[in-house]
Protein backbone atom coordinates (compact mmCIF):
# COMPACT_ATOMS: atom_id res chain seq x y z
CA MET A 1 105.81 90.13 114.96
CA PRO A 2 103.94 92.34 117.46
CA GLN A 3 103.28 90.88 120.89
CA PRO A 4 99.84 90.88 122.59
CA ILE A 5 99.31 94.09 124.56
CA GLY A 6 98.07 92.05 127.51
CA GLU A 7 101.66 90.94 128.14
CA LEU A 8 102.89 94.53 128.59
CA SER A 9 103.99 95.64 132.04
CA PRO A 10 102.83 99.26 132.54
CA PRO A 11 105.78 101.71 132.41
CA THR A 12 106.43 103.85 135.46
CA ASP A 13 108.23 106.82 133.88
CA LEU A 14 106.13 107.66 130.83
CA LEU A 15 106.22 111.30 129.68
CA GLY A 16 103.60 111.20 126.97
CA VAL A 17 101.49 109.35 124.44
CA LEU A 18 101.57 109.91 120.69
CA PHE A 19 98.86 108.57 118.42
CA ASP A 20 97.60 108.56 114.88
CA VAL A 21 93.99 109.67 114.33
CA ASP A 22 92.16 107.79 111.53
CA ASP A 23 91.42 104.18 112.48
CA THR A 24 93.59 104.58 115.60
CA VAL A 25 91.34 106.74 117.80
CA THR A 26 88.43 106.57 115.35
CA TRP A 27 86.48 103.62 114.02
CA GLU A 28 84.25 103.52 110.95
CA GLY A 29 84.92 107.21 110.39
CA LYS A 30 83.92 108.46 113.85
CA ILE A 31 85.86 109.26 117.01
CA VAL A 32 85.36 106.56 119.63
CA PRO A 33 83.99 108.43 122.68
CA GLU A 34 85.99 106.33 125.14
CA ALA A 35 89.15 107.19 123.19
CA MET A 36 88.56 110.89 123.80
CA LEU A 37 88.03 110.14 127.49
CA ALA A 38 91.30 108.18 127.50
CA MET A 39 93.11 111.24 126.11
CA ARG A 40 91.61 113.35 128.87
CA ALA A 41 92.62 110.77 131.48
CA GLY A 42 96.16 110.83 130.12
CA GLN A 43 96.33 114.59 130.45
CA ALA A 44 94.83 114.47 133.94
CA SER A 45 97.57 112.04 134.98
CA GLY A 46 100.23 114.50 133.81
CA LEU A 47 101.05 112.93 130.45
CA ARG A 48 101.58 114.92 127.24
CA MET A 49 99.03 113.82 124.64
CA VAL A 50 99.96 114.44 120.99
CA PRO A 51 98.13 113.29 117.83
CA VAL A 52 100.45 112.67 114.86
CA THR A 53 98.34 112.43 111.73
CA GLY A 54 98.25 112.68 107.97
CA ARG A 55 95.19 114.93 108.20
CA PRO A 56 95.39 118.53 106.95
CA GLY A 57 96.36 121.76 108.64
CA GLY A 58 92.72 122.83 108.86
CA TRP A 59 91.93 119.76 110.93
CA VAL A 60 95.09 120.20 113.00
CA ASP A 61 94.01 123.72 113.97
CA HIS A 62 90.66 122.39 115.20
CA ILE A 63 92.17 119.42 117.06
CA ALA A 64 94.77 121.60 118.79
CA ARG A 65 92.00 123.94 119.96
CA MET A 66 89.25 121.49 120.87
CA TRP A 67 90.73 118.14 121.90
CA PRO A 68 92.44 117.31 125.22
CA VAL A 69 95.91 117.40 123.63
CA ASP A 70 99.16 119.31 124.09
CA GLY A 71 100.08 119.77 120.43
CA VAL A 72 99.35 118.21 117.05
CA VAL A 73 101.55 117.10 114.16
CA GLY A 74 99.77 117.04 110.80
CA GLU A 75 100.24 116.36 107.10
CA ASN A 76 102.62 113.51 107.97
CA GLY A 77 105.05 115.79 109.77
CA GLY A 78 104.87 118.80 107.47
CA LEU A 79 103.35 121.04 110.13
CA TRP A 80 102.87 121.18 113.89
CA PHE A 81 100.48 123.39 115.87
CA TRP A 82 99.93 123.88 119.59
CA MET A 83 97.99 126.09 121.98
CA ASP A 84 99.81 127.97 124.73
CA ASP A 85 98.40 130.71 126.99
CA GLY A 86 95.25 130.77 124.87
CA LYS A 87 97.13 131.40 121.62
CA MET A 88 97.62 129.15 118.59
CA HIS A 89 101.21 128.56 117.48
CA ARG A 90 101.67 127.28 113.93
CA ARG A 91 104.89 125.98 112.40
CA PHE A 92 105.68 124.51 108.97
CA SER A 93 108.60 122.49 107.63
CA GLN A 94 108.68 124.64 104.47
CA SER A 95 108.42 128.36 103.76
CA ALA A 96 105.20 129.77 102.33
CA ASP A 97 106.86 130.28 98.92
CA THR A 98 108.08 126.68 98.85
CA ARG A 99 104.67 125.37 99.85
CA ARG A 100 102.98 127.31 97.06
CA ALA A 101 105.51 126.14 94.47
CA ASN A 102 105.20 122.53 95.55
CA MET A 103 101.42 122.65 95.40
CA VAL A 104 101.71 123.74 91.76
CA ARG A 105 104.07 120.82 91.07
CA LEU A 106 101.63 118.44 92.74
CA GLN A 107 98.96 119.31 90.17
CA GLU A 108 100.89 117.21 87.63
CA VAL A 109 100.91 114.29 90.06
CA ARG A 110 97.21 114.77 90.67
CA ALA A 111 96.39 114.64 86.96
CA ALA A 112 98.55 111.56 86.41
CA VAL A 113 97.02 109.64 89.29
CA LEU A 114 93.43 110.42 88.32
CA ALA A 115 94.15 109.39 84.73
CA GLY A 116 96.13 106.30 85.65
CA VAL A 117 94.13 104.77 88.51
CA PRO A 118 90.40 104.44 87.80
CA GLY A 119 88.17 104.73 90.86
CA THR A 120 90.38 106.95 92.93
CA ALA A 121 89.68 110.59 93.81
CA ILE A 122 91.28 113.55 95.51
CA ALA A 123 90.49 113.45 99.23
CA SER A 124 87.60 115.59 100.38
CA ASP A 125 89.86 117.36 102.90
CA GLN A 126 92.33 118.52 100.23
CA GLU A 127 91.30 122.18 100.34
CA TYR A 128 92.48 122.37 103.97
CA ARG A 129 96.02 121.17 103.15
CA HIS A 130 99.22 123.23 103.05
CA LEU A 131 101.93 120.83 101.86
CA ASP A 132 100.62 117.59 100.42
CA LEU A 133 98.20 115.96 98.02
CA ALA A 134 95.86 113.38 99.55
CA ILE A 135 94.54 110.69 97.23
CA ASP A 136 91.48 108.83 98.47
CA PHE A 137 91.38 105.07 98.01
CA CYS A 138 88.60 104.12 100.46
CA GLU A 139 87.27 107.03 102.56
CA ASP A 140 84.68 108.51 100.18
CA VAL A 141 85.17 106.12 97.27
CA PRO A 142 84.65 102.35 97.05
CA ALA A 143 87.75 100.62 98.40
CA LEU A 144 90.48 100.08 95.81
CA SER A 145 92.71 97.03 95.59
CA ASP A 146 96.23 96.81 96.96
CA ALA A 147 97.42 96.79 93.36
CA ALA A 148 95.68 100.12 92.73
CA ILE A 149 97.23 101.61 95.88
CA ASP A 150 100.65 100.43 94.72
CA LYS A 151 100.01 102.05 91.34
CA ILE A 152 99.25 105.38 93.01
CA VAL A 153 102.50 105.16 94.95
CA SER A 154 104.40 104.27 91.77
CA ILE A 155 103.03 107.28 89.87
CA CYS A 156 103.97 109.61 92.73
CA SER A 157 107.49 108.17 92.72
CA GLU A 158 107.82 108.76 88.97
CA TYR A 159 107.40 112.49 89.67
CA GLY A 160 109.99 112.44 92.44
CA ALA A 161 107.43 112.88 95.19
CA THR A 162 107.47 111.18 98.57
CA SER A 163 104.36 109.16 99.36
CA LYS A 164 102.97 107.39 102.41
CA VAL A 165 100.00 105.03 102.65
CA SER A 166 97.53 105.62 105.48
CA SER A 167 94.42 103.59 106.21
CA ILE A 168 92.36 105.82 103.87
CA HIS A 169 94.68 107.93 101.68
CA VAL A 170 97.93 107.97 99.82
CA ASN A 171 99.57 111.24 100.87
CA THR A 172 102.26 112.61 98.58
CA TRP A 173 104.51 115.66 98.79
CA PHE A 174 107.81 117.22 97.74
CA GLY A 175 110.32 117.66 100.54
CA GLU A 176 112.01 115.78 103.35
CA PHE A 177 109.71 115.22 106.31
CA ASP A 178 107.72 112.49 108.00
CA LYS A 179 105.76 111.97 111.21
CA LEU A 180 108.87 111.47 113.31
CA ALA A 181 110.58 114.62 112.01
CA GLY A 182 107.44 116.63 112.69
CA PHE A 183 107.21 115.39 116.25
CA LYS A 184 110.88 116.17 116.89
CA HIS A 185 110.24 119.75 115.76
CA LEU A 186 107.15 120.07 117.94
CA HIS A 187 109.00 118.64 120.95
CA GLN A 188 111.90 121.05 120.54
CA GLU A 189 109.67 124.11 120.28
CA ARG A 190 107.07 123.04 122.84
CA TRP A 191 109.24 121.49 125.55
CA GLY A 192 112.87 121.97 124.48
CA GLY A 193 115.63 119.39 124.26
CA GLU A 194 115.84 116.06 122.52
CA VAL A 195 113.10 113.43 122.57
CA ASP A 196 113.65 110.66 125.13
CA PHE A 197 112.29 107.85 122.97
CA SER A 198 112.19 105.45 125.93
CA ARG A 199 109.59 107.59 127.73
CA TRP A 200 106.94 107.98 125.04
CA ALA A 201 104.38 105.51 123.70
CA TYR A 202 103.08 105.58 120.13
CA PHE A 203 99.80 104.18 118.77
CA GLY A 204 99.27 103.66 115.03
CA ASP A 205 97.54 101.52 112.46
CA SER A 206 99.07 101.84 108.99
CA ALA A 207 102.12 102.19 106.77
CA ASN A 208 102.65 105.92 107.33
CA ASP A 209 103.24 105.13 111.01
CA GLU A 210 106.40 103.16 110.24
CA PRO A 211 108.87 105.96 111.17
CA MET A 212 107.26 106.05 114.60
CA PHE A 213 107.15 102.27 115.00
CA ARG A 214 110.87 102.24 114.22
CA ALA A 215 111.78 105.01 116.67
CA PHE A 216 109.74 104.05 119.75
CA ASP A 217 110.24 100.75 121.57
CA LEU A 218 106.84 101.26 123.20
CA SER A 219 105.01 101.25 119.87
CA ILE A 220 101.49 99.86 119.80
CA GLY A 221 99.46 98.87 116.78
CA VAL A 222 95.70 98.69 117.11
CA ALA A 223 94.37 95.39 115.76
CA ASN A 224 93.66 96.67 112.24
CA VAL A 225 97.37 97.32 111.72
CA ALA A 226 97.43 93.63 110.75
CA ASP A 227 96.19 94.70 107.29
CA PHE A 228 99.38 96.71 106.78
CA LEU A 229 102.01 94.47 108.36
CA PRO A 230 103.11 93.13 104.93
CA ARG A 231 103.99 96.73 103.95
CA LEU A 232 106.02 97.36 107.12
CA THR A 233 109.70 96.62 107.57
CA HIS A 234 109.50 98.12 111.07
CA LYS A 235 106.44 96.78 112.85
CA PRO A 236 104.89 97.86 116.17
CA THR A 237 106.20 96.10 119.25
CA TRP A 238 102.73 95.46 120.66
CA ILE A 239 99.25 94.89 119.22
CA THR A 240 95.78 95.23 120.73
CA GLN A 241 92.82 92.91 120.36
CA GLY A 242 90.46 95.79 119.64
CA SER A 243 90.39 97.77 116.41
CA GLY A 244 90.69 101.52 115.97
CA GLY A 245 89.73 103.66 118.93
CA HIS A 246 88.59 100.59 120.86
CA GLY A 247 92.13 99.24 120.62
CA PHE A 248 93.50 102.64 121.67
CA VAL A 249 91.44 102.49 124.86
CA GLU A 250 92.64 98.94 125.47
CA GLY A 251 96.25 100.02 124.98
CA MET A 252 95.88 103.05 127.23
CA ARG A 253 94.56 100.78 129.99
CA ALA A 254 97.58 98.51 129.46
CA LEU A 255 99.73 101.61 130.05
CA GLY A 256 97.88 102.13 133.32
CA ILE A 257 95.72 105.01 132.02
CA GLY A 258 91.95 105.12 132.28
């Protein structure tokens, strides 16, 4: 089980900090102001700050432009954008033709989920997505049960689609990618070379963060990750007392930042 973050000795050779967005640097649907300041403090100390989120490409473009970050991975690793010399660089794990074809295939999944799971809806950010279908189970609809979430995942699987559960959506897609694969691509193009997993920290809160929890020894779950621990084979190494962005700030201070 995760250990209390207060027992962590701050690392001395950290290169960067990776973090999920929803319910990791936000809380109750809003960015925690101190979390944004913690990102800025990380950058000011020379660290690379990189959100790794299930949110859509449209959001990723905005975050890469407007937040104090050095690149963004979105749609659970399906795309990665970064700003350099005042220009936006956009990369995708699939060609434009493949993305269009897969979006057509996902319409069948969409219809099956809406028919098979009463109370769910397509996420309100769907129109900004390039690779996946986001199914809302608590963001803009009344919260569904764990059984209903499992049913959504089961329907996606029946169609041969990959699916991941975040704190608000089930994201589903055709293709082989996840948050870790997306970050590896971003790292290679942005900084070159292989990722030194021992010199990055990762913050997350839900089941779609599992590839990152598995890869990084310095993995930190904000307190609300406790709701998802039964779904996780690979759990975070550390856990904060605070939830969402408040826990992120707590964890950043434990890393010696802010």
